[in-house]
């Protein structure tokens, strides 16, 4: 099934897979797939290798950016899958919270990437909610003039909104998202099982966002 909004330059094609759905977002040379499957984190390394590095991983670095809670629930599984696919894995765990969505946090990540000699072949994997997606996405958009980005949203709000569309950025002084860029991911991976660890309040926030699009 294909859909296209009137006046829009993008189109989507939705395909049923064995375990879930795959949505292809057509954006010319920035087109990408959104994979929605239960348990897909178990083979996320395979999915990224197939869709982002079809020519072969060859020791490419996967930079996993996450926060402590998400790392506790899903970090090890994601890292093991990436390593099994042949990636060299670098993990960056940021403090949780909107107050860390700043240029200071971005600068800290830049320094870590530089210290590890991360090159332009690296893939940034944003594993978490909206703050992680925004910060990691902005780093991917700007470091070394652009790195491949994979969004792995783990909150309902991020799954239905911030992980799709290429919005990245950080807050500045009293302004929200004043510094940022539109930078499309190469892939979005959504595992509905990640929602099991969310408190009910966060689930309701995500549902409220869905209603806006109805």
C-alpha atoms as a PDB file:
ATOM      1  CA  UNK A   1       0.000   0.000   0.000  1.00  0.00           C
ATOM      2  CA  UNK A   2       1.306   3.444  -0.939  1.00  0.00           C
ATOM      3  CA  UNK A   3       0.149   6.828   0.320  1.00  0.00           C
ATOM      4  CA  UNK A   4       1.049  10.410  -0.552  1.00  0.00           C
ATOM      5  CA  UNK A   5      -0.082  13.649   1.053  1.00  0.00           C
ATOM      6  CA  UNK A   6      -1.411  16.380  -1.212  1.00  0.00           C
ATOM      7  CA  UNK A   7       1.262  19.002  -1.761  1.00  0.00           C
ATOM      8  CA  UNK A   8       3.937  16.771  -0.265  1.00  0.00           C
ATOM      9  CA  UNK A   9       7.121  15.634  -1.980  1.00  0.00           C
ATOM     10  CA  UNK A  10       7.311  12.427   0.081  1.00  0.00           C
ATOM     11  CA  UNK A  11       5.435   9.170  -0.261  1.00  0.00           C
ATOM     12  CA  UNK A  12       5.195   6.111   1.931  1.00  0.00           C
ATOM     13  CA  UNK A  13       4.842   2.457   1.105  1.00  0.00           C
ATOM     14  CA  UNK A  14       3.748   0.048   3.843  1.00  0.00           C
ATOM     15  CA  UNK A  15       4.608  -3.640   3.630  1.00  0.00           C
ATOM     16  CA  UNK A  16       3.625  -6.444   5.966  1.00  0.00           C
ATOM     17  CA  UNK A  17       6.542  -8.606   7.029  1.00  0.00           C
ATOM     18  CA  UNK A  18       6.698 -11.913   8.810  1.00  0.00           C
ATOM     19  CA  UNK A  19       7.064 -10.265  12.211  1.00  0.00           C
ATOM     20  CA  UNK A  20       5.560  -6.796  11.756  1.00  0.00           C
ATOM     21  CA  UNK A  21       5.580  -3.924   9.279  1.00  0.00           C
ATOM     22  CA  UNK A  22       8.064  -2.041   7.162  1.00  0.00           C
ATOM     23  CA  UNK A  23       7.334   1.518   6.064  1.00  0.00           C
ATOM     24  CA  UNK A  24       9.402   3.016   3.251  1.00  0.00           C
ATOM     25  CA  UNK A  25       9.565   6.804   3.278  1.00  0.00           C
ATOM     26  CA  UNK A  26      10.463   8.133  -0.163  1.00  0.00           C
ATOM     27  CA  UNK A  27      12.643  11.254   0.042  1.00  0.00           C
ATOM     28  CA  UNK A  28      14.781  10.958  -3.075  1.00  0.00           C
ATOM     29  CA  UNK A  29      18.401  10.382  -2.014  1.00  0.00           C
ATOM     30  CA  UNK A  30      17.441  10.582   1.690  1.00  0.00           C
ATOM     31  CA  UNK A  31      14.800   7.827   1.582  1.00  0.00           C
ATOM     32  CA  UNK A  32      14.751   5.347   4.424  1.00  0.00           C
ATOM     33  CA  UNK A  33      12.849   2.452   5.963  1.00  0.00           C
ATOM     34  CA  UNK A  34      10.996   2.309   9.276  1.00  0.00           C
ATOM     35  CA  UNK A  35      11.005  -1.219  10.645  1.00  0.00           C
ATOM     36  CA  UNK A  36       8.299  -1.989  13.213  1.00  0.00           C
ATOM     37  CA  UNK A  37       8.634  -5.462  14.719  1.00  0.00           C
ATOM     38  CA  UNK A  38       8.418  -7.044  18.132  1.00  0.00           C
ATOM     39  CA  UNK A  39      11.804  -8.400  19.204  1.00  0.00           C
ATOM     40  CA  UNK A  40      13.704  -6.703  16.376  1.00  0.00           C
ATOM     41  CA  UNK A  41      16.370  -5.436  18.809  1.00  0.00           C
ATOM     42  CA  UNK A  42      17.705  -8.995  18.941  1.00  0.00           C
ATOM     43  CA  UNK A  43      18.876  -8.641  15.342  1.00  0.00           C
ATOM     44  CA  UNK A  44      19.329  -4.895  15.045  1.00  0.00           C
ATOM     45  CA  UNK A  45      22.954  -5.374  14.024  1.00  0.00           C
ATOM     46  CA  UNK A  46      21.844  -7.457  11.070  1.00  0.00           C
ATOM     47  CA  UNK A  47      19.222  -4.872  10.071  1.00  0.00           C
ATOM     48  CA  UNK A  48      21.701  -1.990  10.212  1.00  0.00           C
ATOM     49  CA  UNK A  49      24.358  -3.934   8.314  1.00  0.00           C
ATOM     50  CA  UNK A  50      21.859  -4.865   5.603  1.00  0.00           C
ATOM     51  CA  UNK A  51      20.284  -1.441   5.149  1.00  0.00           C
ATOM     52  CA  UNK A  52      23.032   1.018   6.077  1.00  0.00           C
ATOM     53  CA  UNK A  53      26.173  -0.900   5.095  1.00  0.00           C
ATOM     54  CA  UNK A  54      25.083  -3.190   2.234  1.00  0.00           C
ATOM     55  CA  UNK A  55      28.623  -3.234   0.881  1.00  0.00           C
ATOM     56  CA  UNK A  56      29.912  -4.786   4.098  1.00  0.00           C
ATOM     57  CA  UNK A  57      30.575  -3.624   7.635  1.00  0.00           C
ATOM     58  CA  UNK A  58      34.383  -4.020   7.434  1.00  0.00           C
ATOM     59  CA  UNK A  59      34.961  -2.912  11.025  1.00  0.00           C
ATOM     60  CA  UNK A  60      32.811   0.215  10.864  1.00  0.00           C
ATOM     61  CA  UNK A  61      32.152   1.838  14.228  1.00  0.00           C
ATOM     62  CA  UNK A  62      28.633   1.868  15.647  1.00  0.00           C
ATOM     63  CA  UNK A  63      28.296   4.627  18.248  1.00  0.00           C
ATOM     64  CA  UNK A  64      25.420   3.769  20.574  1.00  0.00           C
ATOM     65  CA  UNK A  65      24.122   6.875  22.372  1.00  0.00           C
ATOM     66  CA  UNK A  66      21.698   6.161  25.203  1.00  0.00           C
ATOM     67  CA  UNK A  67      20.839   6.966  28.831  1.00  0.00           C
ATOM     68  CA  UNK A  68      21.299   4.863  31.998  1.00  0.00           C
ATOM     69  CA  UNK A  69      17.760   3.445  32.212  1.00  0.00           C
ATOM     70  CA  UNK A  70      17.528   2.470  28.561  1.00  0.00           C
ATOM     71  CA  UNK A  71      21.058   1.086  28.713  1.00  0.00           C
ATOM     72  CA  UNK A  72      20.030  -1.099  31.650  1.00  0.00           C
ATOM     73  CA  UNK A  73      17.061  -2.579  29.768  1.00  0.00           C
ATOM     74  CA  UNK A  74      18.329  -2.741  26.194  1.00  0.00           C
ATOM     75  CA  UNK A  75      21.959  -1.636  25.914  1.00  0.00           C
ATOM     76  CA  UNK A  76      23.665  -4.997  26.209  1.00  0.00           C
ATOM     77  CA  UNK A  77      21.307  -6.638  23.725  1.00  0.00           C
ATOM     78  CA  UNK A  78      21.900  -3.920  21.142  1.00  0.00           C
ATOM     79  CA  UNK A  79      25.680  -3.919  21.586  1.00  0.00           C
ATOM     80  CA  UNK A  80      25.903  -7.702  21.311  1.00  0.00           C
ATOM     81  CA  UNK A  81      23.834  -7.690  18.138  1.00  0.00           C
ATOM     82  CA  UNK A  82      25.991  -4.974  16.583  1.00  0.00           C
ATOM     83  CA  UNK A  83      29.193  -6.806  17.476  1.00  0.00           C
ATOM     84  CA  UNK A  84      27.817 -10.045  16.038  1.00  0.00           C
ATOM     85  CA  UNK A  85      27.173  -8.182  12.769  1.00  0.00           C
ATOM     86  CA  UNK A  86      30.818  -7.085  12.650  1.00  0.00           C
ATOM     87  CA  UNK A  87      30.631  -3.548  13.988  1.00  0.00           C
ATOM     88  CA  UNK A  88      33.172  -2.071  16.376  1.00  0.00           C
ATOM     89  CA  UNK A  89      30.899  -0.765  19.124  1.00  0.00           C
ATOM     90  CA  UNK A  90      31.397   2.422  21.112  1.00  0.00           C
ATOM     91  CA  UNK A  91      28.871   3.202  23.836  1.00  0.00           C
ATOM     92  CA  UNK A  92      28.074   6.679  25.159  1.00  0.00           C
ATOM     93  CA  UNK A  93      25.695   6.842  28.133  1.00  0.00           C
ATOM     94  CA  UNK A  94      24.312  10.318  28.807  1.00  0.00           C
ATOM     95  CA  UNK A  95      22.426  11.511  31.890  1.00  0.00           C
ATOM     96  CA  UNK A  96      18.671  11.420  31.400  1.00  0.00           C
ATOM     97  CA  UNK A  97      16.604  14.578  31.134  1.00  0.00           C
ATOM     98  CA  UNK A  98      15.756  17.600  29.005  1.00  0.00           C
ATOM     99  CA  UNK A  99      18.277  19.674  30.982  1.00  0.00           C
ATOM    100  CA  UNK A 100      21.102  17.737  29.266  1.00  0.00           C
ATOM    101  CA  UNK A 101      19.880  18.568  25.761  1.00  0.00           C
ATOM    102  CA  UNK A 102      22.584  21.212  25.376  1.00  0.00           C
ATOM    103  CA  UNK A 103      25.653  22.183  23.385  1.00  0.00           C
ATOM    104  CA  UNK A 104      27.734  21.125  26.384  1.00  0.00           C
ATOM    105  CA  UNK A 105      26.470  17.570  25.964  1.00  0.00           C
ATOM    106  CA  UNK A 106      27.137  17.708  22.226  1.00  0.00           C
ATOM    107  CA  UNK A 107      30.668  18.970  22.874  1.00  0.00           C
ATOM    108  CA  UNK A 108      31.266  16.084  25.273  1.00  0.00           C
ATOM    109  CA  UNK A 109      30.245  13.588  22.588  1.00  0.00           C
ATOM    110  CA  UNK A 110      32.457  15.316  19.995  1.00  0.00           C
ATOM    111  CA  UNK A 111      35.445  14.917  22.313  1.00  0.00           C
ATOM    112  CA  UNK A 112      34.727  11.228  22.893  1.00  0.00           C
ATOM    113  CA  UNK A 113      34.402  10.590  19.162  1.00  0.00           C
ATOM    114  CA  UNK A 114      37.620  12.468  18.460  1.00  0.00           C
ATOM    115  CA  UNK A 115      39.480  10.574  21.195  1.00  0.00           C
ATOM    116  CA  UNK A 116      38.388   7.265  19.659  1.00  0.00           C
ATOM    117  CA  UNK A 117      39.347   8.406  16.136  1.00  0.00           C
ATOM    118  CA  UNK A 118      35.823   7.831  14.869  1.00  0.00           C
ATOM    119  CA  UNK A 119      35.775   8.447  11.115  1.00  0.00           C
ATOM    120  CA  UNK A 120      33.079   9.294   8.565  1.00  0.00           C
ATOM    121  CA  UNK A 121      32.185   5.633   8.075  1.00  0.00           C
ATOM    122  CA  UNK A 122      30.706   5.459  11.581  1.00  0.00           C
ATOM    123  CA  UNK A 123      27.023   4.890  12.299  1.00  0.00           C
ATOM    124  CA  UNK A 124      25.364   6.739  15.178  1.00  0.00           C
ATOM    125  CA  UNK A 125      22.676   4.632  16.872  1.00  0.00           C
ATOM    126  CA  UNK A 126      20.288   6.756  18.949  1.00  0.00           C
ATOM    127  CA  UNK A 127      18.828   4.338  21.509  1.00  0.00           C
ATOM    128  CA  UNK A 128      16.286   6.087  23.713  1.00  0.00           C
ATOM    129  CA  UNK A 129      13.543   8.689  23.816  1.00  0.00           C
ATOM    130  CA  UNK A 130      13.221  12.112  22.275  1.00  0.00           C
ATOM    131  CA  UNK A 131      16.144  13.764  24.066  1.00  0.00           C
ATOM    132  CA  UNK A 132      18.560  11.029  23.015  1.00  0.00           C
ATOM    133  CA  UNK A 133      17.247  11.106  19.463  1.00  0.00           C
ATOM    134  CA  UNK A 134      17.577  14.885  19.206  1.00  0.00           C
ATOM    135  CA  UNK A 135      21.088  15.055  20.679  1.00  0.00           C
ATOM    136  CA  UNK A 136      22.512  12.003  18.899  1.00  0.00           C
ATOM    137  CA  UNK A 137      20.866  13.111  15.666  1.00  0.00           C
ATOM    138  CA  UNK A 138      22.441  16.558  15.888  1.00  0.00           C
ATOM    139  CA  UNK A 139      25.846  14.992  16.545  1.00  0.00           C
ATOM    140  CA  UNK A 140      25.388  12.743  13.495  1.00  0.00           C
ATOM    141  CA  UNK A 141      24.371  15.738  11.388  1.00  0.00           C
ATOM    142  CA  UNK A 142      27.417  17.816  12.315  1.00  0.00           C
ATOM    143  CA  UNK A 143      30.396  15.612  13.252  1.00  0.00           C
ATOM    144  CA  UNK A 144      32.777  15.021  10.349  1.00  0.00           C
ATOM    145  CA  UNK A 145      30.227  16.780   8.109  1.00  0.00           C
ATOM    146  CA  UNK A 146      27.685  14.051   8.646  1.00  0.00           C
ATOM    147  CA  UNK A 147      27.562  10.454   9.873  1.00  0.00           C
ATOM    148  CA  UNK A 148      24.977   7.788   9.140  1.00  0.00           C
ATOM    149  CA  UNK A 149      22.173   7.875  11.706  1.00  0.00           C
ATOM    150  CA  UNK A 150      19.889   5.112  12.946  1.00  0.00           C
ATOM    151  CA  UNK A 151      17.032   6.071  15.252  1.00  0.00           C
ATOM    152  CA  UNK A 152      15.933   3.408  17.757  1.00  0.00           C
ATOM    153  CA  UNK A 153      13.151   5.102  19.769  1.00  0.00           C
ATOM    154  CA  UNK A 154      12.172   3.402  23.017  1.00  0.00           C
ATOM    155  CA  UNK A 155       9.289   5.648  24.132  1.00  0.00           C
ATOM    156  CA  UNK A 156       5.878   5.864  22.494  1.00  0.00           C
ATOM    157  CA  UNK A 157       6.229   9.614  21.987  1.00  0.00           C
ATOM    158  CA  UNK A 158       9.553   9.174  20.195  1.00  0.00           C
ATOM    159  CA  UNK A 159       8.220   6.279  18.128  1.00  0.00           C
ATOM    160  CA  UNK A 160       5.296   8.260  16.746  1.00  0.00           C
ATOM    161  CA  UNK A 161       6.933  11.668  16.463  1.00  0.00           C
ATOM    162  CA  UNK A 162      10.520  12.705  17.085  1.00  0.00           C
ATOM    163  CA  UNK A 163      12.331   9.723  15.529  1.00  0.00           C
ATOM    164  CA  UNK A 164      10.702  10.295  12.127  1.00  0.00           C
ATOM    165  CA  UNK A 165      11.130  13.376   9.971  1.00  0.00           C
ATOM    166  CA  UNK A 166      14.745  14.292  10.592  1.00  0.00           C
ATOM    167  CA  UNK A 167      14.292  16.853  13.375  1.00  0.00           C
ATOM    168  CA  UNK A 168      17.457  17.103  15.492  1.00  0.00           C
ATOM    169  CA  UNK A 169      18.765  19.766  17.831  1.00  0.00           C
ATOM    170  CA  UNK A 170      19.462  21.096  21.289  1.00  0.00           C
ATOM    171  CA  UNK A 171      18.166  23.849  23.538  1.00  0.00           C
ATOM    172  CA  UNK A 172      20.026  27.122  23.951  1.00  0.00           C
ATOM    173  CA  UNK A 173      19.647  29.492  26.915  1.00  0.00           C
ATOM    174  CA  UNK A 174      15.880  29.711  27.463  1.00  0.00           C
ATOM    175  CA  UNK A 175      14.997  28.649  23.907  1.00  0.00           C
ATOM    176  CA  UNK A 176      13.907  25.103  23.035  1.00  0.00           C
ATOM    177  CA  UNK A 177      15.464  23.502  19.940  1.00  0.00           C
ATOM    178  CA  UNK A 178      17.050  26.792  18.853  1.00  0.00           C
ATOM    179  CA  UNK A 179      20.151  25.060  17.481  1.00  0.00           C
ATOM    180  CA  UNK A 180      19.626  22.085  15.211  1.00  0.00           C
ATOM    181  CA  UNK A 181      19.242  20.665  11.744  1.00  0.00           C
ATOM    182  CA  UNK A 182      16.894  18.607   9.646  1.00  0.00           C
ATOM    183  CA  UNK A 183      18.883  15.426   9.092  1.00  0.00           C
ATOM    184  CA  UNK A 184      17.136  12.277   7.940  1.00  0.00           C
ATOM    185  CA  UNK A 185      18.120   8.944   9.477  1.00  0.00           C
ATOM    186  CA  UNK A 186      19.238   6.062   7.303  1.00  0.00           C
ATOM    187  CA  UNK A 187      16.933   3.734   9.217  1.00  0.00           C
ATOM    188  CA  UNK A 188      14.382   3.799  12.040  1.00  0.00           C
ATOM    189  CA  UNK A 189      13.967   0.632  14.108  1.00  0.00           C
ATOM    190  CA  UNK A 190      10.914   0.387  16.373  1.00  0.00           C
ATOM    191  CA  UNK A 191      10.512  -2.533  18.771  1.00  0.00           C
ATOM    192  CA  UNK A 192       7.129  -2.243  20.540  1.00  0.00           C
ATOM    193  CA  UNK A 193       8.454  -4.489  23.320  1.00  0.00           C
ATOM    194  CA  UNK A 194      10.552  -1.562  24.580  1.00  0.00           C
ATOM    195  CA  UNK A 195       7.330   0.088  25.755  1.00  0.00           C
ATOM    196  CA  UNK A 196       6.811  -2.569  28.441  1.00  0.00           C
ATOM    197  CA  UNK A 197       9.258  -0.821  30.771  1.00  0.00           C
ATOM    198  CA  UNK A 198       7.568   2.608  30.475  1.00  0.00           C
ATOM    199  CA  UNK A 199       5.478   4.119  33.276  1.00  0.00           C
ATOM    200  CA  UNK A 200       1.829   4.674  32.393  1.00  0.00           C
ATOM    201  CA  UNK A 201       2.278   8.470  32.299  1.00  0.00           C
ATOM    202  CA  UNK A 202       4.765   8.229  29.441  1.00  0.00           C
ATOM    203  CA  UNK A 203       2.482   5.896  27.516  1.00  0.00           C
ATOM    204  CA  UNK A 204      -0.369   8.384  27.881  1.00  0.00           C
ATOM    205  CA  UNK A 205       1.838  11.188  26.581  1.00  0.00           C
ATOM    206  CA  UNK A 206       2.547   9.148  23.490  1.00  0.00           C
ATOM    207  CA  UNK A 207      -1.124   8.352  22.973  1.00  0.00           C
ATOM    208  CA  UNK A 208      -1.978  12.046  23.237  1.00  0.00           C
ATOM    209  CA  UNK A 209       0.533  12.777  20.483  1.00  0.00           C
ATOM    210  CA  UNK A 210      -1.032  10.112  18.269  1.00  0.00           C
ATOM    211  CA  UNK A 211      -4.457  11.755  18.656  1.00  0.00           C
ATOM    212  CA  UNK A 212      -3.021  14.963  17.165  1.00  0.00           C
ATOM    213  CA  UNK A 213      -2.472  13.153  13.869  1.00  0.00           C
ATOM    214  CA  UNK A 214      -5.917  11.556  13.670  1.00  0.00           C
END
